[in-house]
């Protein structure tokens, strides 16, 4: 396996583990952020493998899914849509109190579980 692909996967695994730690510590905004980051990196591993080129510098999960050429099941597309929408507000929150109310423990746990499921699916199809 290509070293760049291995690095993307290792980094994705590291980030999803960090998301679990943030959940356990009650830092739910970071759970969402790290779920997005982990999925982004796993998709970049898939894109790198498929195209044999360096994955583009983008945070857009839709774009990466398109480049991957995969038919991602609709059950997994939903979490990607949620994370893609959350990308900018979790990276650059303009109203911390508002965004922290939006991303509750229940939401963070749901997003984490669904992200882990999608990551598992992506690893199986490699």
N, C-alpha and C. Protein backbone atom coordinates (compact mmCIF):
# COMPACT_ATOMS: atom_id res chain seq x y z
N UNK A 1 0.85 -1.19 0.00
CA UNK A 1 0.00 0.00 0.00
C UNK A 1 0.89 1.25 0.00
N UNK A 2 0.52 2.19 -0.77
CA UNK A 2 1.21 3.46 -0.91
C UNK A 2 1.36 4.13 0.47
N UNK A 3 2.53 4.73 0.71
CA UNK A 3 2.79 5.39 2.00
C UNK A 3 1.81 6.54 2.26
N UNK A 4 1.48 7.31 1.24
CA UNK A 4 0.52 8.42 1.41
C UNK A 4 -0.84 7.89 1.85
N UNK A 5 -1.26 6.78 1.26
CA UNK A 5 -2.55 6.18 1.64
C UNK A 5 -2.49 5.69 3.08
N UNK A 6 -1.41 5.04 3.44
CA UNK A 6 -1.24 4.57 4.82
C UNK A 6 -1.29 5.74 5.80
N UNK A 7 -0.65 6.84 5.46
CA UNK A 7 -0.66 8.01 6.33
C UNK A 7 -2.06 8.58 6.49
N UNK A 8 -2.82 8.66 5.39
CA UNK A 8 -4.20 9.16 5.48
C UNK A 8 -5.02 8.27 6.41
N UNK A 9 -4.87 6.96 6.27
CA UNK A 9 -5.65 6.03 7.09
C UNK A 9 -5.24 6.13 8.56
N UNK A 10 -3.95 6.15 8.83
CA UNK A 10 -3.48 6.27 10.22
C UNK A 10 -3.95 7.58 10.85
N UNK A 11 -3.90 8.64 10.08
CA UNK A 11 -4.34 9.94 10.59
C UNK A 11 -5.84 9.95 10.83
N UNK A 12 -6.59 9.32 9.95
CA UNK A 12 -8.04 9.20 10.13
C UNK A 12 -8.36 8.42 11.41
N UNK A 13 -7.65 7.30 11.60
CA UNK A 13 -7.84 6.49 12.81
C UNK A 13 -7.51 7.29 14.07
N UNK A 14 -6.45 8.05 14.01
CA UNK A 14 -6.04 8.89 15.14
C UNK A 14 -7.12 9.92 15.48
N UNK A 15 -7.66 10.54 14.44
CA UNK A 15 -8.67 11.59 14.65
C UNK A 15 -9.97 11.03 15.20
N UNK A 16 -10.38 9.84 14.73
CA UNK A 16 -11.64 9.29 15.25
C UNK A 16 -11.46 8.87 16.71
N UNK A 17 -10.28 8.41 17.05
CA UNK A 17 -10.00 8.09 18.46
C UNK A 17 -10.02 9.38 19.30
N UNK A 18 -9.46 10.45 18.76
CA UNK A 18 -9.50 11.74 19.47
C UNK A 18 -10.94 12.20 19.65
N UNK A 19 -11.79 11.93 18.67
CA UNK A 19 -13.22 12.29 18.78
C UNK A 19 -13.86 11.53 19.95
N UNK A 20 -13.50 10.27 20.10
CA UNK A 20 -14.03 9.49 21.23
C UNK A 20 -13.58 10.09 22.56
N UNK A 21 -12.33 10.51 22.62
CA UNK A 21 -11.79 11.12 23.84
C UNK A 21 -12.50 12.45 24.13
N UNK A 22 -12.74 13.22 23.10
CA UNK A 22 -13.47 14.49 23.27
C UNK A 22 -14.90 14.23 23.75
N UNK A 23 -15.53 13.19 23.22
CA UNK A 23 -16.87 12.83 23.69
C UNK A 23 -16.84 12.49 25.17
N UNK A 24 -15.88 11.67 25.55
CA UNK A 24 -15.77 11.26 26.95
C UNK A 24 -15.48 12.44 27.86
N UNK A 25 -14.83 13.46 27.32
CA UNK A 25 -14.50 14.66 28.10
C UNK A 25 -15.55 15.76 28.00
N UNK A 26 -16.62 15.50 27.28
CA UNK A 26 -17.70 16.48 27.18
C UNK A 26 -17.43 17.63 26.21
N UNK A 27 -16.49 17.46 25.32
CA UNK A 27 -16.15 18.49 24.33
C UNK A 27 -16.81 18.15 23.00
N UNK A 28 -18.13 18.35 22.96
CA UNK A 28 -18.94 17.84 21.86
C UNK A 28 -18.71 18.56 20.54
N UNK A 29 -18.38 19.83 20.58
CA UNK A 29 -18.07 20.56 19.36
C UNK A 29 -16.87 19.92 18.65
N UNK A 30 -15.89 19.52 19.44
CA UNK A 30 -14.69 18.90 18.86
C UNK A 30 -14.97 17.49 18.35
N UNK A 31 -15.95 16.82 18.94
CA UNK A 31 -16.35 15.51 18.41
C UNK A 31 -16.79 15.68 16.96
N UNK A 32 -17.63 16.66 16.72
CA UNK A 32 -18.15 16.91 15.37
C UNK A 32 -16.99 17.28 14.44
N UNK A 33 -16.15 18.19 14.87
CA UNK A 33 -15.01 18.62 14.07
C UNK A 33 -14.11 17.44 13.71
N UNK A 34 -13.80 16.60 14.70
CA UNK A 34 -12.90 15.47 14.46
C UNK A 34 -13.54 14.37 13.63
N UNK A 35 -14.85 14.20 13.76
CA UNK A 35 -15.54 13.24 12.88
C UNK A 35 -15.39 13.68 11.43
N UNK A 36 -15.60 14.97 11.18
CA UNK A 36 -15.44 15.49 9.82
C UNK A 36 -14.00 15.26 9.34
N UNK A 37 -13.04 15.60 10.18
CA UNK A 37 -11.64 15.49 9.81
C UNK A 37 -11.25 14.04 9.52
N UNK A 38 -11.72 13.13 10.35
CA UNK A 38 -11.42 11.72 10.15
C UNK A 38 -12.02 11.20 8.85
N UNK A 39 -13.25 11.55 8.57
CA UNK A 39 -13.90 11.12 7.34
C UNK A 39 -13.20 11.75 6.13
N UNK A 40 -12.87 13.00 6.23
CA UNK A 40 -12.15 13.68 5.15
C UNK A 40 -10.86 12.94 4.81
N UNK A 41 -10.11 12.57 5.81
CA UNK A 41 -8.83 11.89 5.58
C UNK A 41 -9.03 10.49 5.00
N UNK A 42 -10.04 9.78 5.46
CA UNK A 42 -10.28 8.45 4.90
C UNK A 42 -10.70 8.56 3.44
N UNK A 43 -11.52 9.55 3.13
CA UNK A 43 -11.90 9.76 1.73
C UNK A 43 -10.69 10.14 0.89
N UNK A 44 -9.78 10.91 1.46
CA UNK A 44 -8.56 11.26 0.73
C UNK A 44 -7.70 10.02 0.48
N UNK A 45 -7.70 9.07 1.40
CA UNK A 45 -7.00 7.80 1.17
C UNK A 45 -7.61 7.07 -0.01
N UNK A 46 -8.93 7.03 -0.06
CA UNK A 46 -9.64 6.35 -1.15
C UNK A 46 -9.36 7.06 -2.48
N UNK A 47 -9.44 8.38 -2.46
CA UNK A 47 -9.19 9.16 -3.69
C UNK A 47 -7.75 8.96 -4.17
N UNK A 48 -6.80 8.98 -3.25
CA UNK A 48 -5.40 8.78 -3.61
C UNK A 48 -5.20 7.40 -4.23
N UNK A 49 -5.83 6.40 -3.64
CA UNK A 49 -5.72 5.04 -4.18
C UNK A 49 -6.32 4.96 -5.58
N UNK A 50 -7.48 5.58 -5.75
CA UNK A 50 -8.17 5.50 -7.04
C UNK A 50 -7.45 6.28 -8.14
N UNK A 51 -7.03 7.49 -7.83
CA UNK A 51 -6.47 8.37 -8.86
C UNK A 51 -4.96 8.25 -9.01
N UNK A 52 -4.32 7.67 -7.98
CA UNK A 52 -2.86 7.57 -7.94
C UNK A 52 -2.20 8.94 -8.00
N UNK A 53 -2.91 9.91 -7.46
CA UNK A 53 -2.42 11.28 -7.36
C UNK A 53 -2.65 11.78 -5.93
N UNK A 54 -1.98 12.84 -5.58
CA UNK A 54 -2.19 13.47 -4.28
C UNK A 54 -3.63 13.96 -4.20
N UNK A 55 -4.28 13.64 -3.11
CA UNK A 55 -5.67 14.09 -2.93
C UNK A 55 -5.71 15.61 -2.85
N UNK A 56 -6.79 16.20 -3.36
CA UNK A 56 -6.88 17.67 -3.35
C UNK A 56 -6.99 18.23 -1.94
N UNK A 57 -6.52 19.45 -1.79
CA UNK A 57 -6.60 20.15 -0.50
C UNK A 57 -7.99 20.78 -0.41
N UNK A 58 -8.90 20.00 0.13
CA UNK A 58 -10.28 20.45 0.29
C UNK A 58 -10.86 19.83 1.54
N UNK A 59 -11.85 20.50 2.11
CA UNK A 59 -12.58 19.95 3.25
C UNK A 59 -13.97 19.47 2.82
N UNK A 60 -14.27 19.58 1.53
CA UNK A 60 -15.60 19.27 1.00
C UNK A 60 -15.78 17.76 0.84
N UNK A 61 -16.56 17.18 1.73
CA UNK A 61 -16.78 15.73 1.70
C UNK A 61 -17.52 15.30 0.44
N UNK A 62 -18.46 16.12 -0.04
CA UNK A 62 -19.18 15.79 -1.27
C UNK A 62 -18.21 15.66 -2.44
N UNK A 63 -17.32 16.60 -2.55
CA UNK A 63 -16.33 16.59 -3.63
C UNK A 63 -15.45 15.35 -3.54
N UNK A 64 -15.00 15.03 -2.35
CA UNK A 64 -14.16 13.86 -2.15
C UNK A 64 -14.92 12.57 -2.46
N UNK A 65 -16.19 12.51 -2.07
CA UNK A 65 -16.99 11.33 -2.39
C UNK A 65 -17.14 11.17 -3.90
N UNK A 66 -17.34 12.29 -4.59
CA UNK A 66 -17.46 12.25 -6.04
C UNK A 66 -16.15 11.74 -6.66
N UNK A 67 -15.03 12.28 -6.21
CA UNK A 67 -13.74 11.86 -6.74
C UNK A 67 -13.43 10.39 -6.44
N UNK A 68 -13.98 9.89 -5.35
CA UNK A 68 -13.72 8.49 -4.97
C UNK A 68 -14.34 7.51 -5.96
N UNK A 69 -15.39 7.95 -6.64
CA UNK A 69 -16.06 7.08 -7.59
C UNK A 69 -16.90 5.99 -6.92
N UNK A 70 -17.04 6.06 -5.62
CA UNK A 70 -17.80 5.05 -4.88
C UNK A 70 -19.29 5.37 -4.89
N UNK A 71 -20.07 4.33 -4.87
CA UNK A 71 -21.52 4.50 -4.66
C UNK A 71 -21.76 4.30 -3.17
N UNK A 72 -21.71 5.39 -2.47
CA UNK A 72 -21.85 5.34 -1.02
C UNK A 72 -23.33 5.20 -0.69
N UNK A 73 -23.68 4.20 0.11
CA UNK A 73 -25.09 3.99 0.45
C UNK A 73 -25.72 5.23 1.08
N UNK A 74 -26.99 5.42 0.80
CA UNK A 74 -27.69 6.61 1.31
C UNK A 74 -27.64 6.67 2.83
N UNK A 75 -27.61 5.53 3.48
CA UNK A 75 -27.53 5.52 4.95
C UNK A 75 -26.25 6.18 5.43
N UNK A 76 -25.19 6.10 4.65
CA UNK A 76 -23.92 6.73 5.01
C UNK A 76 -23.82 8.16 4.47
N UNK A 77 -24.53 8.44 3.41
CA UNK A 77 -24.47 9.79 2.85
C UNK A 77 -25.04 10.83 3.81
N UNK A 78 -25.98 10.42 4.63
CA UNK A 78 -26.62 11.35 5.57
C UNK A 78 -25.61 11.95 6.55
N UNK A 79 -24.74 11.10 7.12
CA UNK A 79 -23.77 11.63 8.08
C UNK A 79 -22.77 12.52 7.37
N UNK A 80 -22.40 12.15 6.16
CA UNK A 80 -21.47 12.99 5.40
C UNK A 80 -22.09 14.37 5.15
N UNK A 81 -23.38 14.40 4.86
CA UNK A 81 -24.08 15.67 4.64
C UNK A 81 -24.09 16.51 5.92
N UNK A 82 -24.39 15.87 7.04
CA UNK A 82 -24.40 16.60 8.32
C UNK A 82 -23.02 17.16 8.65
N UNK A 83 -21.99 16.34 8.46
CA UNK A 83 -20.64 16.78 8.78
C UNK A 83 -20.17 17.87 7.82
N UNK A 84 -20.52 17.73 6.56
CA UNK A 84 -20.12 18.75 5.59
C UNK A 84 -20.73 20.10 5.95
N UNK A 85 -21.98 20.07 6.37
CA UNK A 85 -22.67 21.31 6.76
C UNK A 85 -22.06 21.91 8.03
N UNK A 86 -21.55 21.06 8.90
CA UNK A 86 -20.99 21.51 10.18
C UNK A 86 -19.54 21.97 10.06
N UNK A 87 -18.92 21.72 8.93
CA UNK A 87 -17.48 21.96 8.79
C UNK A 87 -17.06 23.38 9.14
N UNK A 88 -17.63 24.35 8.50
CA UNK A 88 -17.21 25.75 8.73
C UNK A 88 -17.58 26.23 10.14
N UNK A 89 -18.83 26.03 10.59
CA UNK A 89 -19.16 26.51 11.95
C UNK A 89 -18.33 25.87 13.06
N UNK A 90 -17.93 24.60 12.90
CA UNK A 90 -17.13 23.98 13.96
C UNK A 90 -15.67 24.39 13.87
N UNK A 91 -15.21 24.77 12.68
CA UNK A 91 -13.83 25.23 12.53
C UNK A 91 -13.67 26.68 12.99
N UNK A 92 -14.69 27.48 12.67
CA UNK A 92 -14.63 28.92 12.93
C UNK A 92 -15.94 29.40 13.57
N UNK A 93 -16.21 28.96 14.80
CA UNK A 93 -17.49 29.35 15.42
C UNK A 93 -17.56 30.85 15.69
N UNK A 94 -18.62 31.47 15.19
CA UNK A 94 -18.81 32.90 15.41
C UNK A 94 -19.61 33.16 16.68
N UNK A 95 -20.42 32.20 17.08
CA UNK A 95 -21.21 32.32 18.30
C UNK A 95 -21.05 31.02 19.08
N UNK A 96 -20.05 30.98 19.95
CA UNK A 96 -19.69 29.76 20.66
C UNK A 96 -20.87 29.20 21.46
N UNK A 97 -21.59 30.06 22.17
CA UNK A 97 -22.70 29.59 22.99
C UNK A 97 -23.77 28.92 22.13
N UNK A 98 -24.07 29.53 21.00
CA UNK A 98 -25.10 28.99 20.11
C UNK A 98 -24.69 27.63 19.54
N UNK A 99 -23.47 27.55 19.07
CA UNK A 99 -23.03 26.30 18.45
C UNK A 99 -22.87 25.18 19.47
N UNK A 100 -22.50 25.53 20.69
CA UNK A 100 -22.38 24.51 21.73
C UNK A 100 -23.75 23.96 22.12
N UNK A 101 -24.79 24.78 22.05
CA UNK A 101 -26.15 24.30 22.30
C UNK A 101 -26.62 23.40 21.16
N UNK A 102 -26.17 23.70 19.95
CA UNK A 102 -26.58 22.93 18.77
C UNK A 102 -25.98 21.53 18.79
N UNK A 103 -24.73 21.41 19.22
CA UNK A 103 -24.06 20.12 19.21
C UNK A 103 -23.99 19.55 20.62
N UNK A 104 -25.08 18.93 21.00
CA UNK A 104 -25.25 18.36 22.34
C UNK A 104 -24.55 17.00 22.43
N UNK A 105 -24.57 16.44 23.61
CA UNK A 105 -24.00 15.11 23.84
C UNK A 105 -24.69 14.08 22.93
N UNK A 106 -25.99 14.13 22.87
CA UNK A 106 -26.74 13.16 22.05
C UNK A 106 -26.37 13.27 20.57
N UNK A 107 -26.26 14.50 20.08
CA UNK A 107 -25.88 14.71 18.68
C UNK A 107 -24.46 14.23 18.44
N UNK A 108 -23.57 14.58 19.35
CA UNK A 108 -22.16 14.17 19.20
C UNK A 108 -22.04 12.65 19.18
N UNK A 109 -22.75 11.98 20.06
CA UNK A 109 -22.70 10.52 20.11
C UNK A 109 -23.26 9.91 18.83
N UNK A 110 -24.35 10.48 18.34
CA UNK A 110 -24.97 9.99 17.10
C UNK A 110 -24.02 10.17 15.92
N UNK A 111 -23.45 11.35 15.79
CA UNK A 111 -22.53 11.63 14.69
C UNK A 111 -21.29 10.74 14.76
N UNK A 112 -20.79 10.54 15.98
CA UNK A 112 -19.61 9.69 16.16
C UNK A 112 -19.93 8.25 15.73
N UNK A 113 -21.03 7.73 16.18
CA UNK A 113 -21.42 6.36 15.83
C UNK A 113 -21.59 6.21 14.32
N UNK A 114 -22.27 7.17 13.69
CA UNK A 114 -22.50 7.09 12.25
C UNK A 114 -21.21 7.28 11.46
N UNK A 115 -20.33 8.14 11.95
CA UNK A 115 -19.04 8.33 11.28
C UNK A 115 -18.21 7.05 11.37
N UNK A 116 -18.18 6.44 12.54
CA UNK A 116 -17.43 5.19 12.70
C UNK A 116 -17.98 4.10 11.78
N UNK A 117 -19.27 4.07 11.60
CA UNK A 117 -19.87 3.09 10.69
C UNK A 117 -19.45 3.34 9.25
N UNK A 118 -19.45 4.59 8.83
CA UNK A 118 -19.03 4.93 7.47
C UNK A 118 -17.54 4.64 7.28
N UNK A 119 -16.72 4.97 8.26
CA UNK A 119 -15.29 4.68 8.17
C UNK A 119 -15.05 3.17 8.03
N UNK A 120 -15.79 2.40 8.78
CA UNK A 120 -15.67 0.93 8.70
C UNK A 120 -16.04 0.47 7.30
N UNK A 121 -17.10 1.01 6.74
CA UNK A 121 -17.53 0.65 5.39
C UNK A 121 -16.45 1.01 4.37
N UNK A 122 -15.89 2.21 4.50
CA UNK A 122 -14.84 2.63 3.57
C UNK A 122 -13.62 1.73 3.65
N UNK A 123 -13.27 1.30 4.84
CA UNK A 123 -12.11 0.42 4.99
C UNK A 123 -12.36 -0.95 4.36
N UNK A 124 -13.59 -1.41 4.42
CA UNK A 124 -13.92 -2.73 3.86
C UNK A 124 -13.89 -2.75 2.34
N UNK A 125 -14.18 -1.62 1.72
CA UNK A 125 -14.23 -1.60 0.25
C UNK A 125 -12.86 -1.34 -0.38
N UNK A 126 -11.88 -0.95 0.41
CA UNK A 126 -10.56 -0.64 -0.16
C UNK A 126 -10.06 -1.82 -0.86
